[in-house]
């Protein structure tokens, strides 16, 4: 993974082509994700700019997108997994190294004491940068939301749970609607979210476990009993 970051117009940048190669993704999918960001990011042009590259085999020109550190961080938020986390760390390290390189370098001391102090300061700065990187990555991972696919899994688990209760207790459509509402409200209340799509990725297993063991509230049970009683009375009349 050489040349993760290059210098372009006095700025440390990387390309969508390089990101696709490093993270094992199709370039067209990385371009798609970047263009999707364009609709919601007001300062998109401060983070990205569209460019072209020449394919080494057929010599044809294809589009790519160049991004700076902040642009890469925004894009990489959606990349998950242990391998992806390591790639993010390597990228941020590469950005740091390139940005250090293009900054105006102070005059190098010419005495042993001066060189020792410079080395000590560099070590302290490097340690601080590593701590900052780790904090930023942890914050990204902690606040990352579930994917669309994971939300679909939760929705199917909710549907399965409600249908199973209705089947076991021989409940009708009215009871089913109450169960869906009760379970949906319980999930939102437990995770403090306005809808299931805002559940955090780290809470995904907990959400599935909660749904699997969920039981209707006492109020919902009583309302369902009332409906069943009314239906039974109608059948007798």
C-alpha atoms as a PDB file:
ATOM      1  CA  UNK A   1       0.000   0.000   0.000  1.00  0.00           C
ATOM      2  CA  UNK A   2       2.533   2.570  -1.174  1.00  0.00           C
ATOM      3  CA  UNK A   3       1.688   6.165  -2.025  1.00  0.00           C
ATOM      4  CA  UNK A   4      -1.558   6.183  -0.069  1.00  0.00           C
ATOM      5  CA  UNK A   5      -1.319   9.979   0.003  1.00  0.00           C
ATOM      6  CA  UNK A   6       0.300  12.299  -2.542  1.00  0.00           C
ATOM      7  CA  UNK A   7       0.986  16.021  -2.711  1.00  0.00           C
ATOM      8  CA  UNK A   8      -1.145  17.995  -5.158  1.00  0.00           C
ATOM      9  CA  UNK A   9      -1.293  21.791  -5.269  1.00  0.00           C
ATOM     10  CA  UNK A  10       0.537  21.971  -1.944  1.00  0.00           C
ATOM     11  CA  UNK A  11      -2.066  19.779  -0.244  1.00  0.00           C
ATOM     12  CA  UNK A  12      -1.994  16.190   0.998  1.00  0.00           C
ATOM     13  CA  UNK A  13      -4.633  14.248  -0.958  1.00  0.00           C
ATOM     14  CA  UNK A  14      -5.644  10.782  -2.086  1.00  0.00           C
ATOM     15  CA  UNK A  15      -7.858   9.538  -4.919  1.00  0.00           C
ATOM     16  CA  UNK A  16     -11.025   7.485  -5.221  1.00  0.00           C
ATOM     17  CA  UNK A  17      -9.042   5.021  -7.335  1.00  0.00           C
ATOM     18  CA  UNK A  18      -6.473   4.513  -4.583  1.00  0.00           C
ATOM     19  CA  UNK A  19      -9.181   4.188  -1.903  1.00  0.00           C
ATOM     20  CA  UNK A  20     -10.976   1.539  -3.976  1.00  0.00           C
ATOM     21  CA  UNK A  21      -7.761  -0.441  -4.386  1.00  0.00           C
ATOM     22  CA  UNK A  22      -6.746  -0.281  -0.715  1.00  0.00           C
ATOM     23  CA  UNK A  23     -10.184  -1.129   0.707  1.00  0.00           C
ATOM     24  CA  UNK A  24     -10.893  -3.816  -1.898  1.00  0.00           C
ATOM     25  CA  UNK A  25     -13.894  -2.033  -3.416  1.00  0.00           C
ATOM     26  CA  UNK A  26     -14.990  -1.428  -6.995  1.00  0.00           C
ATOM     27  CA  UNK A  27     -13.977   2.039  -8.141  1.00  0.00           C
ATOM     28  CA  UNK A  28     -17.466   2.695  -9.507  1.00  0.00           C
ATOM     29  CA  UNK A  29     -18.936   2.028  -6.056  1.00  0.00           C
ATOM     30  CA  UNK A  30     -16.514   4.455  -4.390  1.00  0.00           C
ATOM     31  CA  UNK A  31     -17.417   7.094  -6.994  1.00  0.00           C
ATOM     32  CA  UNK A  32     -21.092   6.436  -6.325  1.00  0.00           C
ATOM     33  CA  UNK A  33     -20.624   6.924  -2.564  1.00  0.00           C
ATOM     34  CA  UNK A  34     -18.728  10.168  -3.132  1.00  0.00           C
ATOM     35  CA  UNK A  35     -21.352  11.559  -5.483  1.00  0.00           C
ATOM     36  CA  UNK A  36     -24.042  10.656  -2.933  1.00  0.00           C
ATOM     37  CA  UNK A  37     -22.135  12.750  -0.382  1.00  0.00           C
ATOM     38  CA  UNK A  38     -22.158  15.644  -2.827  1.00  0.00           C
ATOM     39  CA  UNK A  39     -25.906  16.078  -2.348  1.00  0.00           C
ATOM     40  CA  UNK A  40     -25.674  16.503   1.428  1.00  0.00           C
ATOM     41  CA  UNK A  41     -22.318  18.248   1.963  1.00  0.00           C
ATOM     42  CA  UNK A  42     -22.455  21.998   1.428  1.00  0.00           C
ATOM     43  CA  UNK A  43     -18.681  22.466   1.311  1.00  0.00           C
ATOM     44  CA  UNK A  44     -18.160  19.482  -1.003  1.00  0.00           C
ATOM     45  CA  UNK A  45     -15.750  21.407  -3.226  1.00  0.00           C
ATOM     46  CA  UNK A  46     -13.549  22.163  -0.205  1.00  0.00           C
ATOM     47  CA  UNK A  47     -13.085  18.440   0.387  1.00  0.00           C
ATOM     48  CA  UNK A  48     -13.226  16.910  -3.096  1.00  0.00           C
ATOM     49  CA  UNK A  49     -12.624  17.783  -6.733  1.00  0.00           C
ATOM     50  CA  UNK A  50     -13.257  15.750  -9.843  1.00  0.00           C
ATOM     51  CA  UNK A  51     -10.285  14.655 -11.915  1.00  0.00           C
ATOM     52  CA  UNK A  52      -9.316  12.112 -14.580  1.00  0.00           C
ATOM     53  CA  UNK A  53      -6.683   9.420 -14.912  1.00  0.00           C
ATOM     54  CA  UNK A  54      -5.322   7.429 -17.844  1.00  0.00           C
ATOM     55  CA  UNK A  55      -5.723   3.663 -17.632  1.00  0.00           C
ATOM     56  CA  UNK A  56      -2.283   2.049 -18.033  1.00  0.00           C
ATOM     57  CA  UNK A  57      -3.587  -0.723 -20.313  1.00  0.00           C
ATOM     58  CA  UNK A  58      -6.012   0.812 -22.793  1.00  0.00           C
ATOM     59  CA  UNK A  59      -4.700   4.395 -22.382  1.00  0.00           C
ATOM     60  CA  UNK A  60      -8.246   5.703 -22.113  1.00  0.00           C
ATOM     61  CA  UNK A  61      -9.254   8.476 -19.740  1.00  0.00           C
ATOM     62  CA  UNK A  62     -11.591   7.723 -16.828  1.00  0.00           C
ATOM     63  CA  UNK A  63     -13.011   9.904 -14.026  1.00  0.00           C
ATOM     64  CA  UNK A  64     -11.754   9.873 -10.474  1.00  0.00           C
ATOM     65  CA  UNK A  65     -12.264  12.089  -7.441  1.00  0.00           C
ATOM     66  CA  UNK A  66      -9.424  13.613  -5.445  1.00  0.00           C
ATOM     67  CA  UNK A  67     -10.015  14.205  -1.713  1.00  0.00           C
ATOM     68  CA  UNK A  68      -8.147  15.768   1.180  1.00  0.00           C
ATOM     69  CA  UNK A  69      -7.927  14.403   4.721  1.00  0.00           C
ATOM     70  CA  UNK A  70     -11.378  15.651   5.759  1.00  0.00           C
ATOM     71  CA  UNK A  71     -12.946  14.298   2.588  1.00  0.00           C
ATOM     72  CA  UNK A  72     -11.374  10.890   3.116  1.00  0.00           C
ATOM     73  CA  UNK A  73     -12.517  10.831   6.759  1.00  0.00           C
ATOM     74  CA  UNK A  74     -16.089  11.616   5.697  1.00  0.00           C
ATOM     75  CA  UNK A  75     -16.054   8.888   3.049  1.00  0.00           C
ATOM     76  CA  UNK A  76     -14.385   6.264   5.261  1.00  0.00           C
ATOM     77  CA  UNK A  77     -16.988   6.633   8.039  1.00  0.00           C
ATOM     78  CA  UNK A  78     -19.086   4.073   6.206  1.00  0.00           C
ATOM     79  CA  UNK A  79     -16.252   1.541   5.845  1.00  0.00           C
ATOM     80  CA  UNK A  80     -16.503  -1.108   8.583  1.00  0.00           C
ATOM     81  CA  UNK A  81     -14.605  -4.133   9.816  1.00  0.00           C
ATOM     82  CA  UNK A  82     -11.235  -4.753  11.478  1.00  0.00           C
ATOM     83  CA  UNK A  83      -9.321  -4.571   8.199  1.00  0.00           C
ATOM     84  CA  UNK A  84     -11.022  -1.291   7.293  1.00  0.00           C
ATOM     85  CA  UNK A  85     -10.045   0.177  10.664  1.00  0.00           C
ATOM     86  CA  UNK A  86      -6.383  -0.669  10.044  1.00  0.00           C
ATOM     87  CA  UNK A  87      -6.533   0.896   6.578  1.00  0.00           C
ATOM     88  CA  UNK A  88      -8.033   4.065   8.083  1.00  0.00           C
ATOM     89  CA  UNK A  89      -5.175   4.275  10.570  1.00  0.00           C
ATOM     90  CA  UNK A  90      -2.590   3.821   7.808  1.00  0.00           C
ATOM     91  CA  UNK A  91      -4.273   6.497   5.718  1.00  0.00           C
ATOM     92  CA  UNK A  92      -4.396   9.021   8.535  1.00  0.00           C
ATOM     93  CA  UNK A  93      -0.760   8.279   9.324  1.00  0.00           C
ATOM     94  CA  UNK A  94       0.102   8.869   5.656  1.00  0.00           C
ATOM     95  CA  UNK A  95      -1.809  12.162   5.664  1.00  0.00           C
ATOM     96  CA  UNK A  96       0.107  13.245   8.759  1.00  0.00           C
ATOM     97  CA  UNK A  97       3.448  12.386   7.192  1.00  0.00           C
ATOM     98  CA  UNK A  98       2.675  14.175   3.948  1.00  0.00           C
ATOM     99  CA  UNK A  99       1.326  17.261   5.687  1.00  0.00           C
ATOM    100  CA  UNK A 100       4.435  17.374   7.851  1.00  0.00           C
ATOM    101  CA  UNK A 101       6.557  17.135   4.722  1.00  0.00           C
ATOM    102  CA  UNK A 102       4.896  20.012   2.903  1.00  0.00           C
ATOM    103  CA  UNK A 103       4.913  22.340   5.898  1.00  0.00           C
ATOM    104  CA  UNK A 104       7.742  24.768   6.083  1.00  0.00           C
ATOM    105  CA  UNK A 105      10.438  22.947   7.936  1.00  0.00           C
ATOM    106  CA  UNK A 106      12.243  24.778  10.766  1.00  0.00           C
ATOM    107  CA  UNK A 107      15.972  25.127  10.531  1.00  0.00           C
ATOM    108  CA  UNK A 108      17.677  21.930  11.666  1.00  0.00           C
ATOM    109  CA  UNK A 109      19.866  22.460  14.732  1.00  0.00           C
ATOM    110  CA  UNK A 110      23.580  21.960  14.243  1.00  0.00           C
ATOM    111  CA  UNK A 111      24.464  21.012  17.823  1.00  0.00           C
ATOM    112  CA  UNK A 112      23.998  17.657  19.592  1.00  0.00           C
ATOM    113  CA  UNK A 113      21.788  19.307  22.221  1.00  0.00           C
ATOM    114  CA  UNK A 114      19.623  20.969  19.585  1.00  0.00           C
ATOM    115  CA  UNK A 115      19.226  17.735  17.647  1.00  0.00           C
ATOM    116  CA  UNK A 116      18.270  15.866  20.812  1.00  0.00           C
ATOM    117  CA  UNK A 117      15.624  18.458  21.708  1.00  0.00           C
ATOM    118  CA  UNK A 118      14.229  18.351  18.168  1.00  0.00           C
ATOM    119  CA  UNK A 119      13.985  14.540  18.288  1.00  0.00           C
ATOM    120  CA  UNK A 120      12.247  14.701  21.668  1.00  0.00           C
ATOM    121  CA  UNK A 121       9.728  17.255  20.409  1.00  0.00           C
ATOM    122  CA  UNK A 122       9.062  15.131  17.329  1.00  0.00           C
ATOM    123  CA  UNK A 123       8.384  12.066  19.475  1.00  0.00           C
ATOM    124  CA  UNK A 124       5.996  13.979  21.689  1.00  0.00           C
ATOM    125  CA  UNK A 125       4.149  15.387  18.679  1.00  0.00           C
ATOM    126  CA  UNK A 126       3.909  11.936  17.081  1.00  0.00           C
ATOM    127  CA  UNK A 127       2.503  10.453  20.290  1.00  0.00           C
ATOM    128  CA  UNK A 128      -0.083  13.223  20.521  1.00  0.00           C
ATOM    129  CA  UNK A 129      -1.102  12.698  16.903  1.00  0.00           C
ATOM    130  CA  UNK A 130      -1.563   8.969  17.479  1.00  0.00           C
ATOM    131  CA  UNK A 131      -3.721   9.686  20.534  1.00  0.00           C
ATOM    132  CA  UNK A 132      -5.807  12.163  18.534  1.00  0.00           C
ATOM    133  CA  UNK A 133      -6.232   9.677  15.685  1.00  0.00           C
ATOM    134  CA  UNK A 134      -7.331   6.941  18.048  1.00  0.00           C
ATOM    135  CA  UNK A 135      -9.846   9.246  19.726  1.00  0.00           C
ATOM    136  CA  UNK A 136     -11.287  10.298  16.360  1.00  0.00           C
ATOM    137  CA  UNK A 137     -11.586   6.725  15.125  1.00  0.00           C
ATOM    138  CA  UNK A 138     -13.170   5.544  18.368  1.00  0.00           C
ATOM    139  CA  UNK A 139     -15.669   8.414  18.130  1.00  0.00           C
ATOM    140  CA  UNK A 140     -16.486   7.455  14.533  1.00  0.00           C
ATOM    141  CA  UNK A 141     -16.978   3.807  15.457  1.00  0.00           C
ATOM    142  CA  UNK A 142     -19.038   4.652  18.568  1.00  0.00           C
ATOM    143  CA  UNK A 143     -21.476   6.889  16.692  1.00  0.00           C
ATOM    144  CA  UNK A 144     -21.731   4.968  13.424  1.00  0.00           C
ATOM    145  CA  UNK A 145     -25.323   4.040  12.526  1.00  0.00           C
ATOM    146  CA  UNK A 146     -26.533   0.668  11.288  1.00  0.00           C
ATOM    147  CA  UNK A 147     -26.529   0.066   7.555  1.00  0.00           C
ATOM    148  CA  UNK A 148     -29.645  -0.142   5.406  1.00  0.00           C
ATOM    149  CA  UNK A 149     -29.140  -3.902   5.295  1.00  0.00           C
ATOM    150  CA  UNK A 150     -29.002  -4.128   9.098  1.00  0.00           C
ATOM    151  CA  UNK A 151     -32.180  -2.032   9.400  1.00  0.00           C
ATOM    152  CA  UNK A 152     -33.869  -4.499   7.059  1.00  0.00           C
ATOM    153  CA  UNK A 153     -32.760  -7.333   9.338  1.00  0.00           C
ATOM    154  CA  UNK A 154     -34.266  -5.558  12.359  1.00  0.00           C
ATOM    155  CA  UNK A 155     -37.517  -4.882  10.475  1.00  0.00           C
ATOM    156  CA  UNK A 156     -37.792  -8.548   9.535  1.00  0.00           C
ATOM    157  CA  UNK A 157     -37.111  -9.585  13.137  1.00  0.00           C
ATOM    158  CA  UNK A 158     -39.928  -7.281  14.319  1.00  0.00           C
ATOM    159  CA  UNK A 159     -42.301  -8.716  11.747  1.00  0.00           C
ATOM    160  CA  UNK A 160     -41.372 -12.285  12.646  1.00  0.00           C
ATOM    161  CA  UNK A 161     -41.875 -11.641  16.365  1.00  0.00           C
ATOM    162  CA  UNK A 162     -45.307 -10.053  15.912  1.00  0.00           C
ATOM    163  CA  UNK A 163     -46.502 -12.763  13.533  1.00  0.00           C
ATOM    164  CA  UNK A 164     -45.309 -15.474  15.909  1.00  0.00           C
ATOM    165  CA  UNK A 165     -47.230 -13.972  18.848  1.00  0.00           C
ATOM    166  CA  UNK A 166     -50.359 -13.643  16.713  1.00  0.00           C
ATOM    167  CA  UNK A 167     -50.035 -17.235  15.548  1.00  0.00           C
ATOM    168  CA  UNK A 168     -49.459 -18.639  19.043  1.00  0.00           C
ATOM    169  CA  UNK A 169     -52.360 -16.691  20.573  1.00  0.00           C
ATOM    170  CA  UNK A 170     -54.686 -16.816  17.533  1.00  0.00           C
ATOM    171  CA  UNK A 171     -54.885 -13.025  17.308  1.00  0.00           C
ATOM    172  CA  UNK A 172     -56.430 -10.992  14.500  1.00  0.00           C
ATOM    173  CA  UNK A 173     -55.434  -7.933  12.509  1.00  0.00           C
ATOM    174  CA  UNK A 174     -56.392  -5.427  15.215  1.00  0.00           C
ATOM    175  CA  UNK A 175     -54.133  -7.095  17.754  1.00  0.00           C
ATOM    176  CA  UNK A 176     -51.343  -7.320  15.199  1.00  0.00           C
ATOM    177  CA  UNK A 177     -51.390  -3.556  14.674  1.00  0.00           C
ATOM    178  CA  UNK A 178     -51.177  -2.974  18.428  1.00  0.00           C
ATOM    179  CA  UNK A 179     -48.226  -5.333  18.720  1.00  0.00           C
ATOM    180  CA  UNK A 180     -46.334  -3.615  15.909  1.00  0.00           C
ATOM    181  CA  UNK A 181     -46.916  -0.225  17.548  1.00  0.00           C
ATOM    182  CA  UNK A 182     -45.936  -1.480  21.013  1.00  0.00           C
ATOM    183  CA  UNK A 183     -42.738  -3.206  19.842  1.00  0.00           C
ATOM    184  CA  UNK A 184     -41.737  -0.281  17.647  1.00  0.00           C
ATOM    185  CA  UNK A 185     -42.202   2.188  20.516  1.00  0.00           C
ATOM    186  CA  UNK A 186     -40.253  -0.077  22.886  1.00  0.00           C
ATOM    187  CA  UNK A 187     -37.268  -0.196  20.509  1.00  0.00           C
ATOM    188  CA  UNK A 188     -37.212   3.584  20.028  1.00  0.00           C
ATOM    189  CA  UNK A 189     -37.504   4.175  23.775  1.00  0.00           C
ATOM    190  CA  UNK A 190     -34.787   1.659  24.680  1.00  0.00           C
ATOM    191  CA  UNK A 191     -32.207   3.073  22.258  1.00  0.00           C
ATOM    192  CA  UNK A 192     -33.337   6.714  22.409  1.00  0.00           C
ATOM    193  CA  UNK A 193     -33.885   7.046  18.656  1.00  0.00           C
ATOM    194  CA  UNK A 194     -36.687   8.585  16.555  1.00  0.00           C
ATOM    195  CA  UNK A 195     -36.753   5.561  14.237  1.00  0.00           C
ATOM    196  CA  UNK A 196     -35.054   2.185  13.856  1.00  0.00           C
ATOM    197  CA  UNK A 197     -32.715   3.481  11.158  1.00  0.00           C
ATOM    198  CA  UNK A 198     -30.961   5.665  13.777  1.00  0.00           C
ATOM    199  CA  UNK A 199     -29.857   2.740  15.945  1.00  0.00           C
ATOM    200  CA  UNK A 200     -26.084   2.703  16.385  1.00  0.00           C
ATOM    201  CA  UNK A 201     -24.075  -0.053  14.779  1.00  0.00           C
ATOM    202  CA  UNK A 202     -22.669  -1.134  18.150  1.00  0.00           C
ATOM    203  CA  UNK A 203     -26.254  -1.692  19.431  1.00  0.00           C
ATOM    204  CA  UNK A 204     -27.292  -3.900  16.489  1.00  0.00           C
ATOM    205  CA  UNK A 205     -26.833  -7.262  18.330  1.00  0.00           C
ATOM    206  CA  UNK A 206     -28.549  -5.857  21.421  1.00  0.00           C
ATOM    207  CA  UNK A 207     -31.520  -4.754  19.312  1.00  0.00           C
ATOM    208  CA  UNK A 208     -31.948  -8.225  17.789  1.00  0.00           C
ATOM    209  CA  UNK A 209     -31.709  -9.835  21.233  1.00  0.00           C
ATOM    210  CA  UNK A 210     -34.279  -7.422  22.647  1.00  0.00           C
ATOM    211  CA  UNK A 211     -36.737  -8.182  19.826  1.00  0.00           C
ATOM    212  CA  UNK A 212     -36.263 -11.924  20.238  1.00  0.00           C
ATOM    213  CA  UNK A 213     -37.158 -11.823  23.955  1.00  0.00           C
ATOM    214  CA  UNK A 214     -39.725  -9.016  23.810  1.00  0.00           C
ATOM    215  CA  UNK A 215     -43.198  -9.413  25.267  1.00  0.00           C
ATOM    216  CA  UNK A 216     -46.130  -6.965  24.917  1.00  0.00           C
ATOM    217  CA  UNK A 217     -46.695  -4.418  27.660  1.00  0.00           C
ATOM    218  CA  UNK A 218     -49.473  -4.892  30.212  1.00  0.00           C
ATOM    219  CA  UNK A 219     -51.498  -2.130  28.562  1.00  0.00           C
ATOM    220  CA  UNK A 220     -51.236  -3.762  25.145  1.00  0.00           C
ATOM    221  CA  UNK A 221     -52.172  -7.163  26.571  1.00  0.00           C
ATOM    222  CA  UNK A 222     -55.249  -5.666  28.236  1.00  0.00           C
ATOM    223  CA  UNK A 223     -56.318  -3.898  25.028  1.00  0.00           C
ATOM    224  CA  UNK A 224     -55.903  -7.125  23.063  1.00  0.00           C
ATOM    225  CA  UNK A 225     -57.971  -9.003  25.664  1.00  0.00           C
ATOM    226  CA  UNK A 226     -60.729  -6.418  25.276  1.00  0.00           C
ATOM    227  CA  UNK A 227     -60.701  -6.874  21.506  1.00  0.00           C
ATOM    228  CA  UNK A 228     -60.837 -10.663  21.851  1.00  0.00           C
ATOM    229  CA  UNK A 229     -63.701 -10.408  24.337  1.00  0.00           C
ATOM    230  CA  UNK A 230     -65.682  -8.175  22.000  1.00  0.00           C
ATOM    231  CA  UNK A 231     -65.076 -10.547  19.099  1.00  0.00           C
ATOM    232  CA  UNK A 232     -66.209 -13.513  21.184  1.00  0.00           C
ATOM    233  CA  UNK A 233     -69.401 -11.670  22.159  1.00  0.00           C
ATOM    234  CA  UNK A 234     -70.110 -10.885  18.511  1.00  0.00           C
ATOM    235  CA  UNK A 235     -69.644 -14.540  17.594  1.00  0.00           C
ATOM    236  CA  UNK A 236     -72.161 -15.617  20.244  1.00  0.00           C
ATOM    237  CA  UNK A 237     -74.807 -13.100  19.195  1.00  0.00           C
END
